[in-house]
């Protein structure tokens, strides 16, 4: 498994401080139910190690890592418990070198150009930016992106649904640390439904699914006539496209097809949308379109829905 690709595809990693290890598995299930099967369990509490162990054992499909790792002992305990990645809050060269020597995927914490440069000199290009908002937010990262072109960041601290896409719209963001997804109070009170809802809300914000267009097949000979009729009735603009003739958000196809038509849904990120739908069990058509940077620009579901093809395109 390419750990950092998995983290990128998730887009949001819930960052969790848990005081009671008995709550770890219900938490993991709530995150999974909400569509974010991952957690960075911080070593801010005595229950962290056992929480990691229980999630790893009982919910192996949930990606769990250790955060706020400050000592070699914590690193060793996290790895022994089953953590799949390690995150530090700051940049301690001795600690970073030790964690790196274990071979576990890691993200060192860094807030200044000097710290980021040190991390990259050690071959670590995936970096936790903490605390993100207090240190200048996404604008600071955009300013640093020029000189540090190999770096990708996981901003954590002050990120929420209101500014989430300010970060994720920047292509150098690996993912965002979601401290708001499962708060200590939510976990202590067992508010699993609330945690699941917040996961779903965050995904909805991140992916931004939106119905863009409905293409209608089956009468190719009259595609232009039908489009002009609809346009004249409702004041829509008419445009020729590769798919057919558009009238507003309706498209009348010129090619024959076994399907009734195509429902086009847009997303803010094709890579993450594809990964999310696959996690839900959707089968993806192998004919996928990519942009010049290798990112998913357009893909479809393998099966039709009510006779309609489903196409997802990145806006």
Protein backbone atom coordinates (compact mmCIF):
# COMPACT_ATOMS: atom_id res chain seq x y z
CA UNK A 1 0.00 0.00 0.00
CA UNK A 2 1.24 3.47 -0.89
CA UNK A 3 0.56 5.08 2.47
CA UNK A 4 0.73 8.68 1.32
CA UNK A 5 -1.52 8.01 -1.70
CA UNK A 6 -4.06 6.49 0.68
CA UNK A 7 -3.82 9.54 2.93
CA UNK A 8 -4.15 11.88 -0.07
CA UNK A 9 -7.20 9.99 -1.36
CA UNK A 10 -8.90 10.30 2.04
CA UNK A 11 -8.26 14.05 2.01
CA UNK A 12 -9.10 14.44 5.70
CA UNK A 13 -7.49 12.56 8.57
CA UNK A 14 -9.45 12.87 11.84
CA UNK A 15 -7.03 13.88 14.61
CA UNK A 16 -8.16 12.39 17.89
CA UNK A 17 -7.28 12.63 21.58
CA UNK A 18 -8.98 9.73 23.38
CA UNK A 19 -9.04 9.25 27.15
CA UNK A 20 -10.75 5.87 27.31
CA UNK A 21 -9.50 2.98 25.16
CA UNK A 22 -12.92 1.33 25.45
CA UNK A 23 -14.22 4.09 23.21
CA UNK A 24 -11.64 3.40 20.45
CA UNK A 25 -13.52 0.75 18.47
CA UNK A 26 -16.91 2.54 18.55
CA UNK A 27 -15.04 5.65 17.39
CA UNK A 28 -13.39 3.77 14.53
CA UNK A 29 -16.76 2.38 13.45
CA UNK A 30 -18.33 5.85 13.54
CA UNK A 31 -15.53 7.25 11.38
CA UNK A 32 -15.84 4.35 8.94
CA UNK A 33 -19.62 4.75 8.77
CA UNK A 34 -19.10 8.43 7.98
CA UNK A 35 -16.78 7.65 5.08
CA UNK A 36 -13.47 8.60 6.73
CA UNK A 37 -11.95 5.29 7.84
CA UNK A 38 -8.82 6.77 9.40
CA UNK A 39 -7.56 8.40 12.59
CA UNK A 40 -4.42 10.00 13.93
CA UNK A 41 -4.52 8.99 17.59
CA UNK A 42 -2.48 11.55 19.50
CA UNK A 43 -0.16 10.58 22.35
CA UNK A 44 -1.62 13.34 24.49
CA UNK A 45 -3.38 10.78 26.66
CA UNK A 46 -2.44 7.58 28.44
CA UNK A 47 -5.03 5.66 26.42
CA UNK A 48 -3.42 6.36 23.02
CA UNK A 49 -1.34 3.18 22.74
CA UNK A 50 -4.19 0.86 23.70
CA UNK A 51 -6.63 2.76 21.46
CA UNK A 52 -4.31 2.21 18.49
CA UNK A 53 -3.97 -1.48 19.37
CA UNK A 54 -7.72 -2.04 19.60
CA UNK A 55 -8.53 -0.24 16.36
CA UNK A 56 -5.77 -2.10 14.53
CA UNK A 57 -7.01 -5.44 15.86
CA UNK A 58 -10.77 -5.00 15.62
CA UNK A 59 -11.09 -2.57 12.70
CA UNK A 60 -8.21 -3.47 10.36
CA UNK A 61 -9.84 -1.59 7.48
CA UNK A 62 -9.47 1.70 9.41
CA UNK A 63 -6.12 3.39 8.82
CA UNK A 64 -4.71 4.37 12.21
CA UNK A 65 -1.58 6.36 12.95
CA UNK A 66 0.06 7.90 15.98
CA UNK A 67 0.27 11.64 16.47
CA UNK A 68 2.00 13.99 18.91
CA UNK A 69 4.89 11.54 19.12
CA UNK A 70 7.57 13.26 21.19
CA UNK A 71 9.87 10.48 22.40
CA UNK A 72 11.56 7.37 21.10
CA UNK A 73 9.62 5.31 23.61
CA UNK A 74 6.30 6.65 22.28
CA UNK A 75 7.40 5.86 18.73
CA UNK A 76 8.30 2.27 19.66
CA UNK A 77 5.03 1.80 21.56
CA UNK A 78 3.00 3.20 18.66
CA UNK A 79 4.63 0.87 16.15
CA UNK A 80 4.24 -2.14 18.48
CA UNK A 81 0.54 -1.27 18.87
CA UNK A 82 0.06 -1.35 15.10
CA UNK A 83 0.25 2.30 14.01
CA UNK A 84 0.65 2.56 10.25
CA UNK A 85 2.18 6.04 10.30
CA UNK A 86 3.68 8.47 12.81
CA UNK A 87 3.25 12.24 13.06
CA UNK A 88 5.24 14.66 15.21
CA UNK A 89 3.97 18.10 16.26
CA UNK A 90 7.32 19.81 15.75
CA UNK A 91 10.77 19.29 14.33
CA UNK A 92 13.26 17.65 16.68
CA UNK A 93 16.12 16.45 14.43
CA UNK A 94 17.14 13.62 16.77
CA UNK A 95 13.57 12.33 17.07
CA UNK A 96 12.90 12.68 13.36
CA UNK A 97 16.04 10.70 12.53
CA UNK A 98 15.04 7.97 14.98
CA UNK A 99 11.49 7.62 13.64
CA UNK A 100 12.82 7.62 10.08
CA UNK A 101 15.26 4.82 10.99
CA UNK A 102 12.34 2.54 11.92
CA UNK A 103 11.05 2.63 8.35
CA UNK A 104 7.51 3.61 9.30
CA UNK A 105 5.91 6.30 7.10
CA UNK A 106 6.05 9.59 8.96
CA UNK A 107 5.17 13.26 8.76
CA UNK A 108 7.37 15.61 10.76
CA UNK A 109 5.79 18.75 12.14
CA UNK A 110 7.15 22.01 10.77
CA UNK A 111 6.01 25.62 10.91
CA UNK A 112 8.99 27.54 9.51
CA UNK A 113 10.92 27.43 6.24
CA UNK A 114 14.03 26.31 8.12
CA UNK A 115 12.28 23.33 9.66
CA UNK A 116 10.75 22.35 6.33
CA UNK A 117 14.13 22.59 4.64
CA UNK A 118 15.67 20.32 7.28
CA UNK A 119 12.87 17.79 6.77
CA UNK A 120 13.40 17.74 3.02
CA UNK A 121 17.17 17.39 3.47
CA UNK A 122 16.34 14.12 5.27
CA UNK A 123 14.18 12.96 2.36
CA UNK A 124 10.89 13.77 4.09
CA UNK A 125 8.64 15.70 1.72
CA UNK A 126 5.26 15.04 3.37
CA UNK A 127 5.14 17.50 6.24
CA UNK A 128 2.61 18.35 8.95
CA UNK A 129 2.03 22.12 9.08
CA UNK A 130 1.05 22.89 12.66
CA UNK A 131 -0.66 24.91 13.99
CA UNK A 132 -1.84 25.83 10.52
CA UNK A 133 -4.10 28.85 10.93
CA UNK A 134 -1.97 30.41 13.66
CA UNK A 135 1.07 30.16 11.37
CA UNK A 136 -0.37 31.91 8.33
CA UNK A 137 -2.65 29.28 6.86
CA UNK A 138 -2.79 28.32 3.21
CA UNK A 139 -1.38 31.65 2.05
CA UNK A 140 1.87 30.91 3.84
CA UNK A 141 2.05 27.48 2.21
CA UNK A 142 1.45 28.97 -1.21
CA UNK A 143 4.31 31.38 -0.60
CA UNK A 144 6.57 28.50 0.45
CA UNK A 145 5.57 26.30 -2.46
CA UNK A 146 7.88 28.11 -4.87
CA UNK A 147 11.23 27.47 -3.17
CA UNK A 148 10.13 24.13 -1.70
CA UNK A 149 8.63 22.44 -4.74
CA UNK A 150 9.02 18.91 -3.42
CA UNK A 151 7.00 19.57 -0.27
CA UNK A 152 3.42 18.50 0.37
CA UNK A 153 1.63 19.49 3.54
CA UNK A 154 -0.88 18.22 6.05
CA UNK A 155 -2.22 21.40 7.69
CA UNK A 156 -3.64 20.80 11.16
CA UNK A 157 -4.95 23.26 13.73
CA UNK A 158 -7.71 25.72 12.93
CA UNK A 159 -8.91 23.80 9.87
CA UNK A 160 -12.67 23.31 9.70
CA UNK A 161 -15.47 22.93 7.15
CA UNK A 162 -15.48 26.68 6.49
CA UNK A 163 -11.85 26.86 5.34
CA UNK A 164 -11.31 23.20 4.37
CA UNK A 165 -11.46 23.80 0.64
CA UNK A 166 -9.20 26.85 0.88
CA UNK A 167 -6.54 24.29 1.74
CA UNK A 168 -7.64 21.33 -0.37
CA UNK A 169 -8.00 23.43 -3.54
CA UNK A 170 -4.23 23.97 -3.37
CA UNK A 171 -2.62 21.04 -5.17
CA UNK A 172 0.31 20.84 -2.75
CA UNK A 173 -1.91 19.81 0.15
CA UNK A 174 -1.56 16.12 0.98
CA UNK A 175 -4.57 16.15 3.30
CA UNK A 176 -6.01 18.14 6.19
CA UNK A 177 -5.91 17.13 9.84
CA UNK A 178 -9.50 17.16 11.08
CA UNK A 179 -9.47 18.02 14.76
CA UNK A 180 -13.14 19.03 14.64
CA UNK A 181 -14.39 15.66 13.38
CA UNK A 182 -14.23 13.77 16.69
CA UNK A 183 -13.61 16.02 19.68
CA UNK A 184 -12.66 14.66 23.10
CA UNK A 185 -16.09 15.70 24.38
CA UNK A 186 -17.88 13.87 21.54
CA UNK A 187 -15.89 10.71 22.27
CA UNK A 188 -16.34 10.90 26.03
CA UNK A 189 -20.10 11.29 25.61
CA UNK A 190 -20.33 8.58 22.96
CA UNK A 191 -21.78 10.86 20.32
CA UNK A 192 -21.07 8.41 17.52
CA UNK A 193 -23.92 9.60 15.31
CA UNK A 194 -22.65 13.17 15.56
CA UNK A 195 -19.14 12.05 14.61
CA UNK A 196 -20.50 10.11 11.64
CA UNK A 197 -22.52 13.15 10.55
CA UNK A 198 -19.49 15.43 10.79
CA UNK A 199 -17.52 12.99 8.64
CA UNK A 200 -20.24 13.04 6.00
CA UNK A 201 -20.51 16.83 6.13
CA UNK A 202 -16.75 17.15 5.69
CA UNK A 203 -16.75 14.79 2.71
CA UNK A 204 -19.67 16.66 1.17
CA UNK A 205 -17.71 19.90 1.49
CA UNK A 206 -14.48 18.36 0.22
CA UNK A 207 -15.89 16.62 -2.85
CA UNK A 208 -18.58 19.17 -3.70
CA UNK A 209 -20.69 16.79 -5.77
CA UNK A 210 -23.11 18.72 -7.97
CA UNK A 211 -25.50 17.74 -10.75
CA UNK A 212 -24.13 19.46 -13.85
CA UNK A 213 -25.90 18.07 -16.87
CA UNK A 214 -28.37 15.51 -18.10
CA UNK A 215 -27.67 13.98 -21.50
CA UNK A 216 -30.57 12.30 -23.26
CA UNK A 217 -29.90 9.60 -25.87
CA UNK A 218 -32.23 7.77 -28.22
CA UNK A 219 -33.30 10.34 -30.82
CA UNK A 220 -30.06 11.36 -32.48
CA UNK A 221 -31.76 12.42 -35.72
CA UNK A 222 -33.72 15.10 -33.87
CA UNK A 223 -31.08 16.14 -31.31
CA UNK A 224 -30.67 19.67 -32.67
CA UNK A 225 -34.42 20.14 -33.13
CA UNK A 226 -35.17 18.99 -29.58
CA UNK A 227 -32.46 21.20 -28.08
CA UNK A 228 -33.73 24.27 -29.92
CA UNK A 229 -37.31 23.56 -28.84
CA UNK A 230 -36.36 23.35 -25.16
CA UNK A 231 -34.18 26.46 -25.52
CA UNK A 232 -36.97 28.45 -27.12
CA UNK A 233 -39.45 27.47 -24.42
CA UNK A 234 -37.23 28.20 -21.41
CA UNK A 235 -34.75 30.77 -22.69
CA UNK A 236 -31.73 28.46 -22.56
CA UNK A 237 -28.64 28.93 -24.71
CA UNK A 238 -27.90 26.32 -27.38
CA UNK A 239 -24.40 24.97 -27.90
CA UNK A 240 -22.80 22.20 -29.96
CA UNK A 241 -20.59 19.85 -27.91
CA UNK A 242 -18.76 16.57 -28.46
CA UNK A 243 -21.66 14.76 -26.83
CA UNK A 244 -24.46 16.42 -28.75
CA UNK A 245 -26.48 19.65 -28.62
CA UNK A 246 -26.89 21.37 -25.28
CA UNK A 247 -29.82 23.46 -24.13
CA UNK A 248 -28.87 24.81 -20.74
CA UNK A 249 -28.06 21.82 -18.56
CA UNK A 250 -29.77 19.39 -20.93
CA UNK A 251 -27.85 17.70 -23.70
CA UNK A 252 -29.46 15.82 -26.58
CA UNK A 253 -27.03 13.16 -27.78
CA UNK A 254 -26.23 12.65 -31.45
CA UNK A 255 -24.85 9.14 -31.03
CA UNK A 256 -26.90 5.99 -30.54
CA UNK A 257 -26.45 4.14 -27.25
CA UNK A 258 -27.93 1.27 -25.30
CA UNK A 259 -28.26 3.63 -22.33
CA UNK A 260 -31.09 6.13 -21.95
CA UNK A 261 -28.61 8.91 -21.36
CA UNK A 262 -25.90 10.18 -19.07
CA UNK A 263 -26.08 12.01 -15.75
CA UNK A 264 -23.03 14.25 -15.36
CA UNK A 265 -21.97 15.08 -11.82
CA UNK A 266 -19.11 17.44 -11.06
CA UNK A 267 -16.65 17.20 -8.19
CA UNK A 268 -13.91 19.41 -6.80
CA UNK A 269 -11.36 16.58 -6.90
CA UNK A 270 -11.58 13.61 -9.24
CA UNK A 271 -8.89 11.58 -7.47
CA UNK A 272 -10.58 11.78 -4.09
CA UNK A 273 -14.06 11.34 -5.56
CA UNK A 274 -13.01 8.13 -7.31
CA UNK A 275 -11.36 6.78 -4.15
CA UNK A 276 -14.42 7.70 -2.05
CA UNK A 277 -16.87 6.00 -4.40
CA UNK A 278 -14.67 2.90 -4.49
CA UNK A 279 -14.69 2.80 -0.68
CA UNK A 280 -18.49 2.80 -0.88
CA UNK A 281 -18.31 -0.26 -3.14
CA UNK A 282 -19.04 1.43 -6.48
CA UNK A 283 -17.44 -0.19 -9.52
CA UNK A 284 -15.56 2.29 -11.69
CA UNK A 285 -15.39 2.03 -15.46
CA UNK A 286 -11.74 1.33 -16.39
CA UNK A 287 -11.84 4.02 -19.10
CA UNK A 288 -10.63 6.97 -16.99
CA UNK A 289 -9.54 10.38 -18.29
CA UNK A 290 -6.53 12.16 -16.77
CA UNK A 291 -5.27 15.73 -17.06
CA UNK A 292 -1.71 16.75 -17.95
CA UNK A 293 -0.61 16.42 -14.31
CA UNK A 294 -1.92 12.87 -14.07
CA UNK A 295 -4.97 13.74 -12.00
CA UNK A 296 -8.36 12.17 -12.67
CA UNK A 297 -10.41 14.56 -14.78
CA UNK A 298 -13.35 12.34 -15.73
CA UNK A 299 -14.57 8.84 -14.94
CA UNK A 300 -17.77 6.86 -14.95
CA UNK A 301 -19.51 4.15 -12.99
CA UNK A 302 -19.37 0.70 -14.52
CA UNK A 303 -23.11 0.12 -14.22
CA UNK A 304 -26.02 2.30 -15.27
CA UNK A 305 -28.57 3.70 -12.82
CA UNK A 306 -32.19 3.48 -14.04
CA UNK A 307 -30.75 3.08 -17.53
CA UNK A 308 -28.56 6.18 -17.29
CA UNK A 309 -24.78 6.23 -17.32
CA UNK A 310 -23.17 8.16 -14.46
CA UNK A 311 -20.19 10.34 -15.33
CA UNK A 312 -18.14 12.29 -12.76
CA UNK A 313 -15.98 15.15 -13.94
CA UNK A 314 -13.59 17.45 -12.12
CA UNK A 315 -14.50 21.12 -12.24
